[in-house]
Amino acid sequence: AVLASTAARLALPDDTSLVTRVSAAGTAGQALAWE
């Protein structure tokens, strides 16, 4: 996972957002429940 993340960060443009975010309509608790 670390190797893939490093490769993706190096290969993709700097402004690419790869961070998963909790939707504006939900809470962190709801995201944890779905996960």
Full PDB file with SEQRES, HELIX, SHEET, SSBOND, CRYST1, ORIGX, SCALE, CONECT and MASTER records, all heavy atoms in Angstrom:
SEQRES   1 A   35  ALA VAL LEU ALA SER THR ALA ALA ARG LEU ALA LEU PRO          
SEQRES   2 A   35  ASP ASP THR SER LEU VAL THR ARG VAL SER ALA ALA GLY          
SEQRES   3 A   35  THR ALA GLY GLN ALA LEU ALA TRP GLU                          
HELIX    1 AA1 VAL A    2  ALA A   11  1                                  10    
HELIX    2 AA2 ALA A   28  TRP A   34  1                                   7    
CRYST1    1.000    1.000    1.000  90.00  90.00  90.00 P 1           1          
ORIGX1      1.000000  0.000000  0.000000        0.00000                         
ORIGX2      0.000000  1.000000  0.000000        0.00000                         
ORIGX3      0.000000  0.000000  1.000000        0.00000                         
SCALE1      1.000000  0.000000  0.000000        0.00000                         
SCALE2      0.000000  1.000000  0.000000        0.00000                         
SCALE3      0.000000  0.000000  1.000000        0.00000                         
ATOM      1  N   ALA A   1       0.825  -1.213   0.000  1.00  0.00           N  
ATOM      2  CA  ALA A   1       0.000   0.000   0.000  1.00  0.00           C  
ATOM      3  C   ALA A   1       0.857   1.260   0.000  1.00  0.00           C  
ATOM      4  O   ALA A   1       0.563   2.232  -0.699  1.00  0.00           O  
ATOM      5  CB  ALA A   1      -0.937  -0.008   1.208  1.00  0.00           C  
ATOM      6  N   VAL A   2       1.937   1.248   0.774  1.00  0.00           N  
ATOM      7  CA  VAL A   2       2.829   2.417   0.819  1.00  0.00           C  
ATOM      8  C   VAL A   2       3.495   2.621  -0.541  1.00  0.00           C  
ATOM      9  O   VAL A   2       3.578   3.754  -1.044  1.00  0.00           O  
ATOM     10  CB  VAL A   2       3.881   2.260   1.945  1.00  0.00           C  
ATOM     11  CG1 VAL A   2       4.986   3.285   1.816  1.00  0.00           C  
ATOM     12  CG2 VAL A   2       3.212   2.371   3.306  1.00  0.00           C  
ATOM     13  N   LEU A   3       3.949   1.544  -1.158  1.00  0.00           N  
ATOM     14  CA  LEU A   3       4.568   1.663  -2.486  1.00  0.00           C  
ATOM     15  C   LEU A   3       3.578   2.186  -3.516  1.00  0.00           C  
ATOM     16  O   LEU A   3       3.913   3.054  -4.329  1.00  0.00           O  
ATOM     17  CB  LEU A   3       5.137   0.319  -2.930  1.00  0.00           C  
ATOM     18  CG  LEU A   3       6.410  -0.127  -2.237  1.00  0.00           C  
ATOM     19  CD1 LEU A   3       6.758  -1.565  -2.643  1.00  0.00           C  
ATOM     20  CD2 LEU A   3       7.558   0.807  -2.580  1.00  0.00           C  
ATOM     21  N   ALA A   4       2.354   1.667  -3.494  1.00  0.00           N  
ATOM     22  CA  ALA A   4       1.342   2.129  -4.452  1.00  0.00           C  
ATOM     23  C   ALA A   4       0.986   3.592  -4.217  1.00  0.00           C  
ATOM     24  O   ALA A   4       0.831   4.355  -5.171  1.00  0.00           O  
ATOM     25  CB  ALA A   4       0.091   1.265  -4.348  1.00  0.00           C  
ATOM     26  N   SER A   5       0.857   3.982  -2.962  1.00  0.00           N  
ATOM     27  CA  SER A   5       0.532   5.381  -2.649  1.00  0.00           C  
ATOM     28  C   SER A   5       1.637   6.318  -3.097  1.00  0.00           C  
ATOM     29  O   SER A   5       1.375   7.396  -3.647  1.00  0.00           O  
ATOM     30  CB  SER A   5       0.305   5.538  -1.143  1.00  0.00           C  
ATOM     31  OG  SER A   5      -0.756   4.733  -0.721  1.00  0.00           O  
ATOM     32  N   THR A   6       2.867   5.908  -2.870  1.00  0.00           N  
ATOM     33  CA  THR A   6       4.012   6.725  -3.295  1.00  0.00           C  
ATOM     34  C   THR A   6       4.046   6.845  -4.814  1.00  0.00           C  
ATOM     35  O   THR A   6       4.242   7.947  -5.355  1.00  0.00           O  
ATOM     36  CB  THR A   6       5.324   6.111  -2.768  1.00  0.00           C  
ATOM     37  OG1 THR A   6       5.249   6.022  -1.343  1.00  0.00           O  
ATOM     38  CG2 THR A   6       6.523   6.940  -3.173  1.00  0.00           C  
ATOM     39  N   ALA A   7       3.840   5.729  -5.502  1.00  0.00           N  
ATOM     40  CA  ALA A   7       3.844   5.754  -6.966  1.00  0.00           C  
ATOM     41  C   ALA A   7       2.712   6.622  -7.503  1.00  0.00           C  
ATOM     42  O   ALA A   7       2.911   7.391  -8.458  1.00  0.00           O  
ATOM     43  CB  ALA A   7       3.722   4.334  -7.513  1.00  0.00           C  
ATOM     44  N   ALA A   8       1.519   6.529  -6.893  1.00  0.00           N  
ATOM     45  CA  ALA A   8       0.394   7.354  -7.348  1.00  0.00           C  
ATOM     46  C   ALA A   8       0.675   8.837  -7.125  1.00  0.00           C  
ATOM     47  O   ALA A   8       0.387   9.666  -7.986  1.00  0.00           O  
ATOM     48  CB  ALA A   8      -0.886   6.947  -6.615  1.00  0.00           C  
ATOM     49  N   ARG A   9       1.252   9.169  -5.986  1.00  0.00           N  
ATOM     50  CA  ARG A   9       1.566  10.565  -5.702  1.00  0.00           C  
ATOM     51  C   ARG A   9       2.582  11.097  -6.701  1.00  0.00           C  
ATOM     52  O   ARG A   9       2.499  12.234  -7.157  1.00  0.00           O  
ATOM     53  CB  ARG A   9       2.083  10.697  -4.265  1.00  0.00           C  
ATOM     54  CG  ARG A   9       2.482  12.069  -3.831  1.00  0.00           C  
ATOM     55  CD  ARG A   9       1.510  13.213  -4.073  1.00  0.00           C  
ATOM     56  NE  ARG A   9       0.174  13.029  -3.584  1.00  0.00           N  
ATOM     57  CZ  ARG A   9      -0.896  13.629  -4.107  1.00  0.00           C  
ATOM     58  NH1 ARG A   9      -0.782  14.461  -5.122  1.00  0.00           N  
ATOM     59  NH2 ARG A   9      -2.084  13.416  -3.634  1.00  0.00           N  
ATOM     60  N   LEU A  10       3.577  10.276  -7.081  1.00  0.00           N  
ATOM     61  CA  LEU A  10       4.593  10.709  -8.036  1.00  0.00           C  
ATOM     62  C   LEU A  10       4.058  10.768  -9.470  1.00  0.00           C  
ATOM     63  O   LEU A  10       4.476  11.614 -10.254  1.00  0.00           O  
ATOM     64  CB  LEU A  10       5.805   9.780  -7.970  1.00  0.00           C  
ATOM     65  CG  LEU A  10       6.610   9.815  -6.670  1.00  0.00           C  
ATOM     66  CD1 LEU A  10       7.670   8.719  -6.676  1.00  0.00           C  
ATOM     67  CD2 LEU A  10       7.233  11.179  -6.455  1.00  0.00           C  
ATOM     68  N   ALA A  11       3.134   9.879  -9.807  1.00  0.00           N  
ATOM     69  CA  ALA A  11       2.655   9.781 -11.187  1.00  0.00           C  
ATOM     70  C   ALA A  11       1.535  10.758 -11.520  1.00  0.00           C  
ATOM     71  O   ALA A  11       1.405  11.186 -12.663  1.00  0.00           O  
ATOM     72  CB  ALA A  11       2.176   8.354 -11.471  1.00  0.00           C  
ATOM     73  N   LEU A  12       0.726  11.100 -10.531  1.00  0.00           N  
ATOM     74  CA  LEU A  12      -0.429  11.959 -10.795  1.00  0.00           C  
ATOM     75  C   LEU A  12      -0.064  13.427 -10.587  1.00  0.00           C  
ATOM     76  O   LEU A  12       0.844  13.738  -9.819  1.00  0.00           O  
ATOM     77  CB  LEU A  12      -1.589  11.557  -9.887  1.00  0.00           C  
ATOM     78  CG  LEU A  12      -2.156  10.160 -10.162  1.00  0.00           C  
ATOM     79  CD1 LEU A  12      -3.130   9.752  -9.075  1.00  0.00           C  
ATOM     80  CD2 LEU A  12      -2.825  10.109 -11.520  1.00  0.00           C  
ATOM     81  N   PRO A  13      -0.790  14.320 -11.226  1.00  0.00           N  
ATOM     82  CA  PRO A  13      -0.517  15.758 -11.041  1.00  0.00           C  
ATOM     83  C   PRO A  13      -0.658  16.167  -9.574  1.00  0.00           C  
ATOM     84  O   PRO A  13      -1.418  15.563  -8.814  1.00  0.00           O  
ATOM     85  CB  PRO A  13      -1.589  16.438 -11.896  1.00  0.00           C  
ATOM     86  CG  PRO A  13      -2.052  15.408 -12.857  1.00  0.00           C  
ATOM     87  CD  PRO A  13      -1.853  14.082 -12.193  1.00  0.00           C  
ATOM     88  N   ASP A  14       0.056  17.216  -9.210  1.00  0.00           N  
ATOM     89  CA  ASP A  14       0.075  17.671  -7.813  1.00  0.00           C  
ATOM     90  C   ASP A  14      -1.292  18.096  -7.284  1.00  0.00           C  
ATOM     91  O   ASP A  14      -1.562  17.987  -6.098  1.00  0.00           O  
ATOM     92  CB  ASP A  14       1.065  18.828  -7.643  1.00  0.00           C  
ATOM     93  CG  ASP A  14       2.504  18.350  -7.719  1.00  0.00           C  
ATOM     94  OD1 ASP A  14       2.747  17.153  -7.490  1.00  0.00           O  
ATOM     95  OD2 ASP A  14       3.373  19.184  -8.011  1.00  0.00           O  
ATOM     96  N   ASP A  15      -2.161  18.592  -8.164  1.00  0.00           N  
ATOM     97  CA  ASP A  15      -3.462  19.066  -7.690  1.00  0.00           C  
ATOM     98  C   ASP A  15      -4.509  17.956  -7.616  1.00  0.00           C  
ATOM     99  O   ASP A  15      -5.657  18.211  -7.298  1.00  0.00           O  
ATOM    100  CB  ASP A  15      -3.961  20.213  -8.568  1.00  0.00           C  
ATOM    101  CG  ASP A  15      -4.162  19.794 -10.016  1.00  0.00           C  
ATOM    102  OD1 ASP A  15      -3.639  18.737 -10.421  1.00  0.00           O  
ATOM    103  OD2 ASP A  15      -4.858  20.528 -10.741  1.00  0.00           O  
ATOM    104  N   THR A  16      -4.112  16.709  -7.883  1.00  0.00           N  
ATOM    105  CA  THR A  16      -5.041  15.583  -7.796  1.00  0.00           C  
ATOM    106  C   THR A  16      -5.305  15.269  -6.333  1.00  0.00           C  
ATOM    107  O   THR A  16      -4.390  15.065  -5.555  1.00  0.00           O  
ATOM    108  CB  THR A  16      -4.454  14.341  -8.489  1.00  0.00           C  
ATOM    109  OG1 THR A  16      -4.128  14.665  -9.832  1.00  0.00           O  
ATOM    110  CG2 THR A  16      -5.452  13.197  -8.469  1.00  0.00           C  
ATOM    111  N   SER A  17      -6.575  15.219  -5.972  1.00  0.00           N  
ATOM    112  CA  SER A  17      -6.946  14.921  -4.586  1.00  0.00           C  
ATOM    113  C   SER A  17      -7.223  13.431  -4.456  1.00  0.00           C  
ATOM    114  O   SER A  17      -8.166  12.912  -5.057  1.00  0.00           O  
ATOM    115  CB  SER A  17      -8.184  15.722  -4.191  1.00  0.00           C  
ATOM    116  OG  SER A  17      -8.587  15.356  -2.900  1.00  0.00           O  
ATOM    117  N   LEU A  18      -6.405  12.724  -3.701  1.00  0.00           N  
ATOM    118  CA  LEU A  18      -6.581  11.291  -3.506  1.00  0.00           C  
ATOM    119  C   LEU A  18      -7.084  10.966  -2.112  1.00  0.00           C  
ATOM    120  O   LEU A  18      -7.157   9.814  -1.735  1.00  0.00           O  
ATOM    121  CB  LEU A  18      -5.253  10.565  -3.746  1.00  0.00           C  
ATOM    122  CG  LEU A  18      -4.667  10.708  -5.141  1.00  0.00           C  
ATOM    123  CD1 LEU A  18      -3.336   9.983  -5.228  1.00  0.00           C  
ATOM    124  CD2 LEU A  18      -5.626  10.171  -6.183  1.00  0.00           C  
ATOM    125  N   VAL A  19      -7.459  11.962  -1.360  1.00  0.00           N  
ATOM    126  CA  VAL A  19      -7.907  11.745   0.008  1.00  0.00           C  
ATOM    127  C   VAL A  19      -9.412  11.527   0.001  1.00  0.00           C  
ATOM    128  O   VAL A  19     -10.166  12.325  -0.551  1.00  0.00           O  
ATOM    129  CB  VAL A  19      -7.551  12.951   0.906  1.00  0.00           C  
ATOM    130  CG1 VAL A  19      -8.066  12.749   2.313  1.00  0.00           C  
ATOM    131  CG2 VAL A  19      -6.054  13.171   0.902  1.00  0.00           C  
ATOM    132  N   THR A  20      -9.848  10.430   0.612  1.00  0.00           N  
ATOM    133  CA  THR A  20     -11.274  10.174   0.739  1.00  0.00           C  
ATOM    134  C   THR A  20     -11.830  11.086   1.823  1.00  0.00           C  
ATOM    135  O   THR A  20     -11.263  11.171   2.906  1.00  0.00           O  
ATOM    136  CB  THR A  20     -11.527   8.704   1.118  1.00  0.00           C  
ATOM    137  OG1 THR A  20     -10.912   7.876   0.143  1.00  0.00           O  
ATOM    138  CG2 THR A  20     -12.989   8.409   1.195  1.00  0.00           C  
ATOM    139  N   ARG A  21     -12.926  11.729   1.528  1.00  0.00           N  
ATOM    140  CA  ARG A  21     -13.520  12.653   2.483  1.00  0.00           C  
ATOM    141  C   ARG A  21     -14.923  12.184   2.856  1.00  0.00           C  
ATOM    142  O   ARG A  21     -15.616  11.579   2.056  1.00  0.00           O  
ATOM    143  CB  ARG A  21     -13.607  14.051   1.874  1.00  0.00           C  
ATOM    144  CG  ARG A  21     -12.250  14.678   1.674  1.00  0.00           C  
ATOM    145  CD  ARG A  21     -12.396  16.100   1.126  1.00  0.00           C  
ATOM    146  NE  ARG A  21     -11.105  16.685   0.923  1.00  0.00           N  
ATOM    147  CZ  ARG A  21     -10.379  16.533  -0.175  1.00  0.00           C  
ATOM    148  NH1 ARG A  21     -10.823  15.800  -1.157  1.00  0.00           N  
ATOM    149  NH2 ARG A  21      -9.203  17.107  -0.291  1.00  0.00           N  
ATOM    150  N   VAL A  22     -15.319  12.521   4.059  1.00  0.00           N  
ATOM    151  CA  VAL A  22     -16.691  12.269   4.482  1.00  0.00           C  
ATOM    152  C   VAL A  22     -17.573  13.262   3.739  1.00  0.00           C  
ATOM    153  O   VAL A  22     -17.242  14.440   3.636  1.00  0.00           O  
ATOM    154  CB  VAL A  22     -16.833  12.448   6.011  1.00  0.00           C  
ATOM    155  CG1 VAL A  22     -18.280  12.271   6.450  1.00  0.00           C  
ATOM    156  CG2 VAL A  22     -15.927  11.481   6.740  1.00  0.00           C  
ATOM    157  N   SER A  23     -18.681  12.788   3.213  1.00  0.00           N  
ATOM    158  CA  SER A  23     -19.558  13.659   2.449  1.00  0.00           C  
ATOM    159  C   SER A  23     -20.096  14.788   3.335  1.00  0.00           C  
ATOM    160  O   SER A  23     -20.234  14.637   4.544  1.00  0.00           O  
ATOM    161  CB  SER A  23     -20.698  12.840   1.844  1.00  0.00           C  
ATOM    162  OG  SER A  23     -21.922  13.156   2.393  1.00  0.00           O  
ATOM    163  N   ALA A  24     -20.401  15.909   2.710  1.00  0.00           N  
ATOM    164  CA  ALA A  24     -20.904  17.067   3.449  1.00  0.00           C  
ATOM    165  C   ALA A  24     -22.237  16.755   4.108  1.00  0.00           C  
ATOM    166  O   ALA A  24     -22.596  17.375   5.109  1.00  0.00           O  
ATOM    167  CB  ALA A  24     -21.045  18.255   2.504  1.00  0.00           C  
ATOM    168  N   ALA A  25     -22.974  15.790   3.564  1.00  0.00           N  
ATOM    169  CA  ALA A  25     -24.283  15.443   4.112  1.00  0.00           C  
ATOM    170  C   ALA A  25     -24.184  14.485   5.297  1.00  0.00           C  
ATOM    171  O   ALA A  25     -25.170  14.255   5.981  1.00  0.00           O  
ATOM    172  CB  ALA A  25     -25.145  14.817   3.023  1.00  0.00           C  
ATOM    173  N   GLY A  26     -22.999  13.921   5.538  1.00  0.00           N  
ATOM    174  CA  GLY A  26     -22.863  12.928   6.599  1.00  0.00           C  
ATOM    175  C   GLY A  26     -21.868  13.347   7.659  1.00  0.00           C  
ATOM    176  O   GLY A  26     -21.217  14.385   7.564  1.00  0.00           O  
ATOM    177  N   THR A  27     -21.771  12.524   8.690  1.00  0.00           N  
ATOM    178  CA  THR A  27     -20.823  12.766   9.770  1.00  0.00           C  
ATOM    179  C   THR A  27     -19.742  11.698   9.737  1.00  0.00           C  
ATOM    180  O   THR A  27     -19.874  10.684   9.042  1.00  0.00           O  
ATOM    181  CB  THR A  27     -21.531  12.702  11.133  1.00  0.00           C  
ATOM    182  OG1 THR A  27     -21.996  11.351  11.348  1.00  0.00           O  
ATOM    183  CG2 THR A  27     -22.714  13.663  11.206  1.00  0.00           C  
ATOM    184  N   ALA A  28     -18.699  11.910  10.507  1.00  0.00           N  
ATOM    185  CA  ALA A  28     -17.627  10.917  10.592  1.00  0.00           C  
ATOM    186  C   ALA A  28     -18.161   9.611  11.180  1.00  0.00           C  
ATOM    187  O   ALA A  28     -17.750   8.517  10.765  1.00  0.00           O  
ATOM    188  CB  ALA A  28     -16.476  11.457  11.433  1.00  0.00           C  
ATOM    189  N   GLY A  29     -19.089   9.689  12.112  1.00  0.00           N  
ATOM    190  CA  GLY A  29     -19.694   8.487  12.692  1.00  0.00           C  
ATOM    191  C   GLY A  29     -20.479   7.689  11.664  1.00  0.00           C  
ATOM    192  O   GLY A  29     -20.417   6.454  11.639  1.00  0.00           O  
ATOM    193  N   GLN A  30     -21.210   8.383  10.809  1.00  0.00           N  
ATOM    194  CA  GLN A  30     -21.944   7.695   9.745  1.00  0.00           C  
ATOM    195  C   GLN A  30     -20.983   7.052   8.753  1.00  0.00           C  
ATOM    196  O   GLN A  30     -21.210   5.934   8.289  1.00  0.00           O  
ATOM    197  CB  GLN A  30     -22.874   8.667   9.029  1.00  0.00           C  
ATOM    198  CG  GLN A  30     -24.042   9.109   9.880  1.00  0.00           C  
ATOM    199  CD  GLN A  30     -24.807  10.257   9.237  1.00  0.00           C  
ATOM    200  OE1 GLN A  30     -24.224  11.116   8.571  1.00  0.00           O  
ATOM    201  NE2 GLN A  30     -26.116  10.286   9.470  1.00  0.00           N  
ATOM    202  N   ALA A  31     -19.899   7.744   8.436  1.00  0.00           N  
ATOM    203  CA  ALA A  31     -18.904   7.185   7.524  1.00  0.00           C  
ATOM    204  C   ALA A  31     -18.275   5.928   8.128  1.00  0.00           C  
ATOM    205  O   ALA A  31     -18.072   4.929   7.431  1.00  0.00           O  
ATOM    206  CB  ALA A  31     -17.829   8.223   7.207  1.00  0.00           C  
ATOM    207  N   LEU A  32     -17.993   5.952   9.424  1.00  0.00           N  
ATOM    208  CA  LEU A  32     -17.444   4.783  10.104  1.00  0.00           C  
ATOM    209  C   LEU A  32     -18.435   3.624  10.080  1.00  0.00           C  
ATOM    210  O   LEU A  32     -18.055   2.469   9.851  1.00  0.00           O  
ATOM    211  CB  LEU A  32     -17.066   5.133  11.541  1.00  0.00           C  
ATOM    212  CG  LEU A  32     -16.511   3.983  12.381  1.00  0.00           C  
ATOM    213  CD1 LEU A  32     -15.197   3.464  11.779  1.00  0.00           C  
ATOM    214  CD2 LEU A  32     -16.304   4.424  13.815  1.00  0.00           C  
ATOM    215  N   ALA A  33     -19.712   3.918  10.281  1.00  0.00           N  
ATOM    216  CA  ALA A  33     -20.736   2.868  10.239  1.00  0.00           C  
ATOM    217  C   ALA A  33     -20.813   2.234   8.852  1.00  0.00           C  
ATOM    218  O   ALA A  33     -20.885   1.002   8.729  1.00  0.00           O  
ATOM    219  CB  ALA A  33     -22.091   3.444  10.645  1.00  0.00           C  
ATOM    220  N   TRP A  34     -20.784   3.050   7.806  1.00  0.00           N  
ATOM    221  CA  TRP A  34     -20.825   2.512   6.438  1.00  0.00           C  
ATOM    222  C   TRP A  34     -19.572   1.692   6.131  1.00  0.00           C  
ATOM    223  O   TRP A  34     -19.641   0.646   5.483  1.00  0.00           O  
ATOM    224  CB  TRP A  34     -20.994   3.633   5.415  1.00  0.00           C  
ATOM    225  CG  TRP A  34     -22.423   4.017   5.233  1.00  0.00           C  
ATOM    226  CD1 TRP A  34     -23.008   5.182   5.625  1.00  0.00           C  
ATOM    227  CD2 TRP A  34     -23.459   3.234   4.638  1.00  0.00           C  
ATOM    228  NE1 TRP A  34     -24.344   5.161   5.302  1.00  0.00           N  
ATOM    229  CE2 TRP A  34     -24.648   3.975   4.696  1.00  0.00           C  
ATOM    230  CE3 TRP A  34     -23.497   1.973   4.061  1.00  0.00           C  
ATOM    231  CZ2 TRP A  34     -25.857   3.504   4.201  1.00  0.00           C  
ATOM    232  CZ3 TRP A  34     -24.711   1.500   3.574  1.00  0.00           C  
ATOM    233  CH2 TRP A  34     -25.875   2.266   3.640  1.00  0.00           C  
ATOM    234  N   GLU A  35     -18.434   2.172   6.580  1.00  0.00           N  
ATOM    235  CA  GLU A  35     -17.180   1.437   6.354  1.00  0.00           C  
ATOM    236  C   GLU A  35     -17.215   0.099   7.080  1.00  0.00           C  
ATOM    237  O   GLU A  35     -16.772  -0.917   6.547  1.00  0.00           O  
ATOM    238  CB  GLU A  35     -15.985   2.272   6.814  1.00  0.00           C  
ATOM    239  CG  GLU A  35     -14.651   1.615   6.595  1.00  0.00           C  
ATOM    240  CD  GLU A  35     -14.292   1.408   5.136  1.00  0.00           C  
ATOM    241  OE1 GLU A  35     -14.739   2.193   4.277  1.00  0.00           O  
ATOM    242  OE2 GLU A  35     -13.555   0.441   4.845  1.00  0.00           O  
TER     243      GLU A  35                                                      
MASTER        0    0    0    2    0    0    0    6  242    1    0    3          
END                                                                             
